[in-house]
Amino acid sequence: MMAGMDLYPAIDLRGGRCVRLYQGDFAQETVYGDDPVAQARVFADAGSGWIHVVDLDAARTGEPVNRPVIAAIAGAVGIPVQTGGGVRDDAAADALIEAGVARVVVGTAALDDPDWARSLAARYPGQVALGLDVRGREVAVRGWVEGSGRQIADVAAELDDAGFAALIVTQIDVDGVGTGPDLDLYAELLDTLETDLIASGGVGGVEHLRALAALGQQSRPLVGAIVGKALYEGHLTIDEALAAAQAE
């Protein structure tokens, strides 16, 4: 019997509004709302255990224009908030944690400077996640604009002992498409890594969340799944998503 995994409903911020990009393309943006705090409250009130917030402006430029909104979300919901985007130095991580964020996500910067990422994870035990975005099996960097030339299995293995609270792996090929997550990718990583794993990208319906939850029958389970666009476009409700994530 499995306890299921945590659902991480996603709020992507750009200019203080809730948006979604198609496969990470800033030219293909849909605005879903002007009140991210209200959206976060909807997710929390439904019983979600986490909120996942991405600061797209900071990811792109490093400018923390959405930080007041992130602080407002963290202060409004009473559940832990995980946030990433542009966390490239101690100052950015410190500011987010001081703003009330429970967990910060480091991405590109961890590949550029693994020693720094390790030191951050050591300084904030349980509060730093590593986000790796892949096209196929190659890790992409700098807001998905560039390929790193490195394979996910190698990067993840090198940082597996760094003490990250979780490893968040996004499959760009299916992100925002809704055709289903890359189950093979997560199965491979669950077999080889010790770090807790959170899946991101491709969830378009209840069956996709059930499939992710069911990975735990073959190996150790995923600890979570991030869902964004499917919730905003009505392909599944937050209640359906929460129930599917907990499916036995």
C-alpha atoms as a PDB file:
ATOM      1  CA  MET A   1       0.000   0.000   0.000  1.00  0.00           C
ATOM      2  CA  MET A   2       1.269   3.436  -0.900  1.00  0.00           C
ATOM      3  CA  ALA A   3       0.673   6.726   0.838  1.00  0.00           C
ATOM      4  CA  GLY A   4       0.632   8.470  -2.522  1.00  0.00           C
ATOM      5  CA  MET A   5       2.593  11.540  -3.468  1.00  0.00           C
ATOM      6  CA  ASP A   6       2.234  15.238  -2.809  1.00  0.00           C
ATOM      7  CA  LEU A   7       0.581  17.381  -5.432  1.00  0.00           C
ATOM      8  CA  TYR A   8       2.355  20.648  -6.202  1.00  0.00           C
ATOM      9  CA  PRO A   9      -0.095  22.947  -8.006  1.00  0.00           C
ATOM     10  CA  ALA A  10       2.006  25.458  -9.910  1.00  0.00           C
ATOM     11  CA  ILE A  11       1.735  29.217 -10.076  1.00  0.00           C
ATOM     12  CA  ASP A  12       4.021  30.724 -12.719  1.00  0.00           C
ATOM     13  CA  LEU A  13       4.571  34.443 -12.196  1.00  0.00           C
ATOM     14  CA  ARG A  14       5.419  37.005 -14.831  1.00  0.00           C
ATOM     15  CA  GLY A  15       4.917  40.675 -14.084  1.00  0.00           C
ATOM     16  CA  GLY A  16       2.943  39.744 -10.968  1.00  0.00           C
ATOM     17  CA  ARG A  17       0.345  37.730 -12.892  1.00  0.00           C
ATOM     18  CA  CYS A  18      -0.361  33.999 -13.214  1.00  0.00           C
ATOM     19  CA  VAL A  19       0.791  32.776 -16.617  1.00  0.00           C
ATOM     20  CA  ARG A  20       1.807  29.602 -18.401  1.00  0.00           C
ATOM     21  CA  LEU A  21       4.350  29.271 -21.188  1.00  0.00           C
ATOM     22  CA  TYR A  22       4.180  26.625 -23.895  1.00  0.00           C
ATOM     23  CA  GLN A  23       7.331  24.491 -23.632  1.00  0.00           C
ATOM     24  CA  GLY A  24       9.115  27.355 -21.910  1.00  0.00           C
ATOM     25  CA  ASP A  25       8.659  29.775 -24.809  1.00  0.00           C
ATOM     26  CA  PHE A  26       8.202  33.364 -23.567  1.00  0.00           C
ATOM     27  CA  ALA A  27       6.576  34.242 -26.917  1.00  0.00           C
ATOM     28  CA  GLN A  28       3.834  31.668 -26.243  1.00  0.00           C
ATOM     29  CA  GLU A  29       2.329  32.925 -23.003  1.00  0.00           C
ATOM     30  CA  THR A  30      -1.207  32.582 -21.679  1.00  0.00           C
ATOM     31  CA  VAL A  31      -2.316  34.823 -18.817  1.00  0.00           C
ATOM     32  CA  TYR A  32      -4.613  33.022 -16.381  1.00  0.00           C
ATOM     33  CA  GLY A  33      -5.149  35.606 -13.692  1.00  0.00           C
ATOM     34  CA  ASP A  34      -4.159  38.870 -12.079  1.00  0.00           C
ATOM     35  CA  ASP A  35      -4.391  37.603  -8.490  1.00  0.00           C
ATOM     36  CA  PRO A  36      -1.839  34.888  -7.724  1.00  0.00           C
ATOM     37  CA  VAL A  37      -2.587  35.097  -3.992  1.00  0.00           C
ATOM     38  CA  ALA A  38      -6.256  34.264  -4.570  1.00  0.00           C
ATOM     39  CA  GLN A  39      -5.216  31.387  -6.829  1.00  0.00           C
ATOM     40  CA  ALA A  40      -2.892  30.036  -4.152  1.00  0.00           C
ATOM     41  CA  ARG A  41      -5.717  30.220  -1.606  1.00  0.00           C
ATOM     42  CA  VAL A  42      -7.946  28.127  -3.891  1.00  0.00           C
ATOM     43  CA  PHE A  43      -5.297  25.400  -4.002  1.00  0.00           C
ATOM     44  CA  ALA A  44      -4.687  25.550  -0.250  1.00  0.00           C
ATOM     45  CA  ASP A  45      -8.382  25.531   0.619  1.00  0.00           C
ATOM     46  CA  ALA A  46      -8.861  22.405  -1.513  1.00  0.00           C
ATOM     47  CA  GLY A  47      -6.374  20.587   0.727  1.00  0.00           C
ATOM     48  CA  SER A  48      -3.138  20.862  -1.221  1.00  0.00           C
ATOM     49  CA  GLY A  49      -0.062  20.296   0.927  1.00  0.00           C
ATOM     50  CA  TRP A  50       2.216  22.542  -1.148  1.00  0.00           C
ATOM     51  CA  ILE A  51       2.201  25.408  -3.619  1.00  0.00           C
ATOM     52  CA  HIS A  52       4.902  25.507  -6.316  1.00  0.00           C
ATOM     53  CA  VAL A  53       5.752  29.038  -7.495  1.00  0.00           C
ATOM     54  CA  VAL A  54       8.017  29.859 -10.441  1.00  0.00           C
ATOM     55  CA  ASP A  55       9.344  33.387 -10.889  1.00  0.00           C
ATOM     56  CA  LEU A  56       9.700  33.514 -14.667  1.00  0.00           C
ATOM     57  CA  ASP A  57      11.036  37.070 -14.671  1.00  0.00           C
ATOM     58  CA  ALA A  58      13.818  36.157 -12.258  1.00  0.00           C
ATOM     59  CA  ALA A  59      14.579  32.977 -14.201  1.00  0.00           C
ATOM     60  CA  ARG A  60      15.031  35.023 -17.334  1.00  0.00           C
ATOM     61  CA  THR A  61      16.742  38.177 -16.060  1.00  0.00           C
ATOM     62  CA  GLY A  62      17.701  37.520 -12.446  1.00  0.00           C
ATOM     63  CA  GLU A  63      15.553  40.491 -11.370  1.00  0.00           C
ATOM     64  CA  PRO A  64      13.321  39.533  -8.421  1.00  0.00           C
ATOM     65  CA  VAL A  65      10.335  41.629  -9.521  1.00  0.00           C
ATOM     66  CA  ASN A  66       7.832  39.057  -8.243  1.00  0.00           C
ATOM     67  CA  ARG A  67       9.336  38.637  -4.772  1.00  0.00           C
ATOM     68  CA  PRO A  68       6.624  40.726  -3.021  1.00  0.00           C
ATOM     69  CA  VAL A  69       3.969  38.528  -4.645  1.00  0.00           C
ATOM     70  CA  ILE A  70       5.790  35.378  -3.526  1.00  0.00           C
ATOM     71  CA  ALA A  71       5.972  36.734   0.028  1.00  0.00           C
ATOM     72  CA  ALA A  72       2.249  37.526  -0.105  1.00  0.00           C
ATOM     73  CA  ILE A  73       1.457  33.979  -1.267  1.00  0.00           C
ATOM     74  CA  ALA A  74       3.591  32.454   1.483  1.00  0.00           C
ATOM     75  CA  GLY A  75       1.892  34.655   4.053  1.00  0.00           C
ATOM     76  CA  ALA A  76      -1.614  33.914   2.835  1.00  0.00           C
ATOM     77  CA  VAL A  77      -1.842  30.149   2.524  1.00  0.00           C
ATOM     78  CA  GLY A  78      -0.621  28.480   5.720  1.00  0.00           C
ATOM     79  CA  ILE A  79       0.970  25.643   3.727  1.00  0.00           C
ATOM     80  CA  PRO A  80       4.576  25.394   2.559  1.00  0.00           C
ATOM     81  CA  VAL A  81       5.556  27.207  -0.623  1.00  0.00           C
ATOM     82  CA  GLN A  82       8.317  25.911  -2.906  1.00  0.00           C
ATOM     83  CA  THR A  83       9.730  28.479  -5.293  1.00  0.00           C
ATOM     84  CA  GLY A  84      12.320  28.681  -8.031  1.00  0.00           C
ATOM     85  CA  GLY A  85      13.466  30.935 -10.801  1.00  0.00           C
ATOM     86  CA  GLY A  86      16.633  32.972 -10.700  1.00  0.00           C
ATOM     87  CA  VAL A  87      18.031  31.564  -7.451  1.00  0.00           C
ATOM     88  CA  ARG A  88      21.673  32.073  -8.411  1.00  0.00           C
ATOM     89  CA  ASP A  89      23.335  33.226  -5.196  1.00  0.00           C
ATOM     90  CA  ASP A  90      23.044  33.262  -1.414  1.00  0.00           C
ATOM     91  CA  ALA A  91      21.298  36.646  -1.443  1.00  0.00           C
ATOM     92  CA  ALA A  92      18.432  35.400  -3.613  1.00  0.00           C
ATOM     93  CA  ALA A  93      17.954  32.260  -1.506  1.00  0.00           C
ATOM     94  CA  ASP A  94      18.181  34.211   1.762  1.00  0.00           C
ATOM     95  CA  ALA A  95      15.608  36.762   0.574  1.00  0.00           C
ATOM     96  CA  LEU A  96      13.110  34.086  -0.423  1.00  0.00           C
ATOM     97  CA  ILE A  97      13.467  32.158   2.827  1.00  0.00           C
ATOM     98  CA  GLU A  98      13.156  35.405   4.786  1.00  0.00           C
ATOM     99  CA  ALA A  99       9.990  36.092   2.744  1.00  0.00           C
ATOM    100  CA  GLY A 100       8.483  32.906   4.172  1.00  0.00           C
ATOM    101  CA  VAL A 101       9.232  30.390   1.432  1.00  0.00           C
ATOM    102  CA  ALA A 102       9.645  26.858   2.813  1.00  0.00           C
ATOM    103  CA  ARG A 103      11.856  25.564  -0.001  1.00  0.00           C
ATOM    104  CA  VAL A 104      13.883  27.228  -2.727  1.00  0.00           C
ATOM    105  CA  VAL A 105      14.758  25.569  -6.015  1.00  0.00           C
ATOM    106  CA  VAL A 106      18.164  26.045  -7.618  1.00  0.00           C
ATOM    107  CA  GLY A 107      18.623  25.166 -11.268  1.00  0.00           C
ATOM    108  CA  THR A 108      21.199  26.447 -13.738  1.00  0.00           C
ATOM    109  CA  ALA A 109      23.379  27.851 -10.968  1.00  0.00           C
ATOM    110  CA  ALA A 110      23.864  24.376  -9.518  1.00  0.00           C
ATOM    111  CA  LEU A 111      25.382  23.196 -12.789  1.00  0.00           C
ATOM    112  CA  ASP A 112      27.559  26.289 -13.097  1.00  0.00           C
ATOM    113  CA  ASP A 113      28.756  26.044  -9.491  1.00  0.00           C
ATOM    114  CA  PRO A 114      27.991  22.705  -7.818  1.00  0.00           C
ATOM    115  CA  ASP A 115      30.048  23.610  -4.747  1.00  0.00           C
ATOM    116  CA  TRP A 116      27.874  26.645  -4.131  1.00  0.00           C
ATOM    117  CA  ALA A 117      24.693  24.582  -4.488  1.00  0.00           C
ATOM    118  CA  ARG A 118      26.041  22.043  -1.994  1.00  0.00           C
ATOM    119  CA  SER A 119      26.906  24.781   0.478  1.00  0.00           C
ATOM    120  CA  LEU A 120      23.409  26.265   0.172  1.00  0.00           C
ATOM    121  CA  ALA A 121      21.811  22.859   0.790  1.00  0.00           C
ATOM    122  CA  ALA A 122      24.024  22.434   3.847  1.00  0.00           C
ATOM    123  CA  ARG A 123      23.117  25.881   5.173  1.00  0.00           C
ATOM    124  CA  TYR A 124      19.369  25.323   4.799  1.00  0.00           C
ATOM    125  CA  PRO A 125      18.783  21.603   5.507  1.00  0.00           C
ATOM    126  CA  GLY A 126      15.527  20.385   4.014  1.00  0.00           C
ATOM    127  CA  GLN A 127      14.863  23.742   2.355  1.00  0.00           C
ATOM    128  CA  VAL A 128      16.771  23.540  -0.923  1.00  0.00           C
ATOM    129  CA  ALA A 129      15.647  21.527  -3.942  1.00  0.00           C
ATOM    130  CA  LEU A 130      17.561  20.963  -7.166  1.00  0.00           C
ATOM    131  CA  GLY A 131      15.628  21.606 -10.366  1.00  0.00           C
ATOM    132  CA  LEU A 132      16.880  19.908 -13.516  1.00  0.00           C
ATOM    133  CA  ASP A 133      15.108  20.476 -16.819  1.00  0.00           C
ATOM    134  CA  VAL A 134      15.718  18.032 -19.644  1.00  0.00           C
ATOM    135  CA  ARG A 135      15.074  17.713 -23.366  1.00  0.00           C
ATOM    136  CA  GLY A 136      15.068  13.992 -23.883  1.00  0.00           C
ATOM    137  CA  ARG A 137      17.877  13.118 -21.470  1.00  0.00           C
ATOM    138  CA  GLU A 138      20.038  16.233 -21.925  1.00  0.00           C
ATOM    139  CA  VAL A 139      19.948  18.846 -19.176  1.00  0.00           C
ATOM    140  CA  ALA A 140      18.904  22.288 -20.444  1.00  0.00           C
ATOM    141  CA  VAL A 141      20.040  25.497 -18.781  1.00  0.00           C
ATOM    142  CA  ARG A 142      19.276  29.226 -18.593  1.00  0.00           C
ATOM    143  CA  GLY A 143      15.505  29.077 -18.805  1.00  0.00           C
ATOM    144  CA  TRP A 144      15.639  26.156 -21.270  1.00  0.00           C
ATOM    145  CA  VAL A 145      17.397  28.280 -23.902  1.00  0.00           C
ATOM    146  CA  GLU A 146      20.584  26.222 -24.022  1.00  0.00           C
ATOM    147  CA  GLY A 147      21.570  22.584 -23.864  1.00  0.00           C
ATOM    148  CA  SER A 148      24.290  21.784 -21.348  1.00  0.00           C
ATOM    149  CA  GLY A 149      25.704  18.818 -23.238  1.00  0.00           C
ATOM    150  CA  ARG A 150      25.274  16.763 -20.056  1.00  0.00           C
ATOM    151  CA  GLN A 151      23.019  13.809 -19.387  1.00  0.00           C
ATOM    152  CA  ILE A 152      20.485  13.873 -16.569  1.00  0.00           C
ATOM    153  CA  ALA A 153      21.684  10.570 -15.099  1.00  0.00           C
ATOM    154  CA  ASP A 154      25.244  11.885 -14.711  1.00  0.00           C
ATOM    155  CA  VAL A 155      24.320  15.282 -13.261  1.00  0.00           C
ATOM    156  CA  ALA A 156      21.811  13.794 -10.830  1.00  0.00           C
ATOM    157  CA  ALA A 157      24.260  11.110  -9.698  1.00  0.00           C
ATOM    158  CA  GLU A 158      26.981  13.700  -9.033  1.00  0.00           C
ATOM    159  CA  LEU A 159      24.663  15.746  -6.821  1.00  0.00           C
ATOM    160  CA  ASP A 160      22.781  12.853  -5.219  1.00  0.00           C
ATOM    161  CA  ASP A 161      24.767  13.107  -1.980  1.00  0.00           C
ATOM    162  CA  ALA A 162      24.496  16.904  -1.692  1.00  0.00           C
ATOM    163  CA  GLY A 163      21.613  16.823   0.754  1.00  0.00           C
ATOM    164  CA  PHE A 164      18.922  18.400  -1.414  1.00  0.00           C
ATOM    165  CA  ALA A 165      15.388  18.133  -0.033  1.00  0.00           C
ATOM    166  CA  ALA A 166      14.240  16.955  -3.448  1.00  0.00           C
ATOM    167  CA  LEU A 167      15.196  16.704  -7.095  1.00  0.00           C
ATOM    168  CA  ILE A 168      12.617  18.260  -9.431  1.00  0.00           C
ATOM    169  CA  VAL A 169      12.909  16.967 -12.987  1.00  0.00           C
ATOM    170  CA  THR A 170      10.969  18.644 -15.788  1.00  0.00           C
ATOM    171  CA  GLN A 171      10.688  17.042 -19.206  1.00  0.00           C
ATOM    172  CA  ILE A 172      10.552  20.034 -21.568  1.00  0.00           C
ATOM    173  CA  ASP A 173       9.367  17.935 -24.515  1.00  0.00           C
ATOM    174  CA  VAL A 174       5.980  17.413 -22.834  1.00  0.00           C
ATOM    175  CA  ASP A 175       5.721  20.499 -20.615  1.00  0.00           C
ATOM    176  CA  GLY A 176       2.485  22.377 -21.192  1.00  0.00           C
ATOM    177  CA  VAL A 177       1.452  19.834 -23.828  1.00  0.00           C
ATOM    178  CA  GLY A 178      -0.647  17.600 -21.586  1.00  0.00           C
ATOM    179  CA  THR A 179       0.110  14.387 -23.452  1.00  0.00           C
ATOM    180  CA  GLY A 180       1.428  12.611 -20.378  1.00  0.00           C
ATOM    181  CA  PRO A 181       4.613  12.641 -18.311  1.00  0.00           C
ATOM    182  CA  ASP A 182       7.852  10.913 -19.277  1.00  0.00           C
ATOM    183  CA  LEU A 183       7.316   7.873 -17.039  1.00  0.00           C
ATOM    184  CA  ASP A 184      10.458   6.102 -18.280  1.00  0.00           C
ATOM    185  CA  LEU A 185      12.626   9.039 -17.215  1.00  0.00           C
ATOM    186  CA  TYR A 186      11.299   9.004 -13.654  1.00  0.00           C
ATOM    187  CA  ALA A 187      11.491   5.210 -13.403  1.00  0.00           C
ATOM    188  CA  GLU A 188      15.164   5.340 -14.431  1.00  0.00           C
ATOM    189  CA  LEU A 189      15.973   8.013 -11.855  1.00  0.00           C
ATOM    190  CA  LEU A 190      14.028   6.321  -9.045  1.00  0.00           C
ATOM    191  CA  ASP A 191      16.060   3.172  -9.648  1.00  0.00           C
ATOM    192  CA  THR A 192      19.419   4.922  -9.354  1.00  0.00           C
ATOM    193  CA  LEU A 193      19.066   7.878  -6.977  1.00  0.00           C
ATOM    194  CA  GLU A 194      18.645   8.298  -3.233  1.00  0.00           C
ATOM    195  CA  THR A 195      17.316  11.873  -3.357  1.00  0.00           C
ATOM    196  CA  ASP A 196      13.531  12.299  -3.251  1.00  0.00           C
ATOM    197  CA  LEU A 197      12.144  12.908  -6.740  1.00  0.00           C
ATOM    198  CA  ILE A 198       9.396  15.276  -7.914  1.00  0.00           C
ATOM    199  CA  ALA A 199       8.026  14.985 -11.455  1.00  0.00           C
ATOM    200  CA  SER A 200       7.127  17.984 -13.602  1.00  0.00           C
ATOM    201  CA  GLY A 201       5.775  18.290 -17.116  1.00  0.00           C
ATOM    202  CA  GLY A 202       3.127  16.597 -19.196  1.00  0.00           C
ATOM    203  CA  VAL A 203       0.277  16.010 -16.772  1.00  0.00           C
ATOM    204  CA  GLY A 204      -2.925  16.567 -18.727  1.00  0.00           C
ATOM    205  CA  GLY A 205      -5.433  14.541 -16.768  1.00  0.00           C
ATOM    206  CA  VAL A 206      -6.226  12.317 -13.829  1.00  0.00           C
ATOM    207  CA  GLU A 207      -4.799   9.192 -15.469  1.00  0.00           C
ATOM    208  CA  HIS A 208      -1.376  10.841 -15.797  1.00  0.00           C
ATOM    209  CA  LEU A 209      -1.221  11.538 -12.066  1.00  0.00           C
ATOM    210  CA  ARG A 210      -2.334   7.993 -11.306  1.00  0.00           C
ATOM    211  CA  ALA A 211       0.448   6.682 -13.541  1.00  0.00           C
ATOM    212  CA  LEU A 212       3.027   8.776 -11.680  1.00  0.00           C
ATOM    213  CA  ALA A 213       1.700   7.620  -8.308  1.00  0.00           C
ATOM    214  CA  ALA A 214       1.839   4.011  -9.507  1.00  0.00           C
ATOM    215  CA  LEU A 215       5.590   4.198 -10.206  1.00  0.00           C
ATOM    216  CA  GLY A 216       6.058   3.442  -6.517  1.00  0.00           C
ATOM    217  CA  GLN A 217       4.794  -0.097  -7.051  1.00  0.00           C
ATOM    218  CA  GLN A 218       7.882  -0.916  -9.134  1.00  0.00           C
ATOM    219  CA  SER A 219      10.461   1.010  -7.133  1.00  0.00           C
ATOM    220  CA  ARG A 220      10.436   3.649  -4.449  1.00  0.00           C
ATOM    221  CA  PRO A 221       7.706   6.217  -5.023  1.00  0.00           C
ATOM    222  CA  LEU A 222       7.872   9.720  -6.359  1.00  0.00           C
ATOM    223  CA  VAL A 223       7.382  12.177  -3.504  1.00  0.00           C
ATOM    224  CA  GLY A 224       5.481  14.641  -5.650  1.00  0.00           C
ATOM    225  CA  ALA A 225       4.179  15.855  -8.980  1.00  0.00           C
ATOM    226  CA  ILE A 226       3.886  19.438 -10.218  1.00  0.00           C
ATOM    227  CA  VAL A 227       0.746  20.309 -12.171  1.00  0.00           C
ATOM    228  CA  GLY A 228       0.018  23.636 -13.816  1.00  0.00           C
ATOM    229  CA  LYS A 229      -1.685  24.109 -17.137  1.00  0.00           C
ATOM    230  CA  ALA A 230      -4.131  21.199 -16.780  1.00  0.00           C
ATOM    231  CA  LEU A 231      -5.591  22.842 -13.677  1.00  0.00           C
ATOM    232  CA  TYR A 232      -5.959  26.237 -15.358  1.00  0.00           C
ATOM    233  CA  GLU A 233      -7.500  24.881 -18.546  1.00  0.00           C
ATOM    234  CA  GLY A 234     -10.007  22.727 -16.668  1.00  0.00           C
ATOM    235  CA  HIS A 235      -8.670  19.341 -17.802  1.00  0.00           C
ATOM    236  CA  LEU A 236      -8.748  18.349 -14.170  1.00  0.00           C
ATOM    237  CA  THR A 237      -9.902  20.058 -11.013  1.00  0.00           C
ATOM    238  CA  ILE A 238      -7.719  20.568  -7.973  1.00  0.00           C
ATOM    239  CA  ASP A 239      -9.937  18.078  -6.093  1.00  0.00           C
ATOM    240  CA  GLU A 240      -9.533  15.432  -8.818  1.00  0.00           C
ATOM    241  CA  ALA A 241      -5.783  16.059  -8.927  1.00  0.00           C
ATOM    242  CA  LEU A 242      -5.379  15.700  -5.165  1.00  0.00           C
ATOM    243  CA  ALA A 243      -7.376  12.472  -5.164  1.00  0.00           C
ATOM    244  CA  ALA A 244      -5.386  11.002  -8.068  1.00  0.00           C
ATOM    245  CA  ALA A 245      -2.039  11.864  -6.440  1.00  0.00           C
ATOM    246  CA  GLN A 246      -3.109   9.882  -3.384  1.00  0.00           C
ATOM    247  CA  ALA A 247      -4.345   6.922  -5.442  1.00  0.00           C
ATOM    248  CA  GLU A 248      -3.420   3.557  -4.026  1.00  0.00           C
END
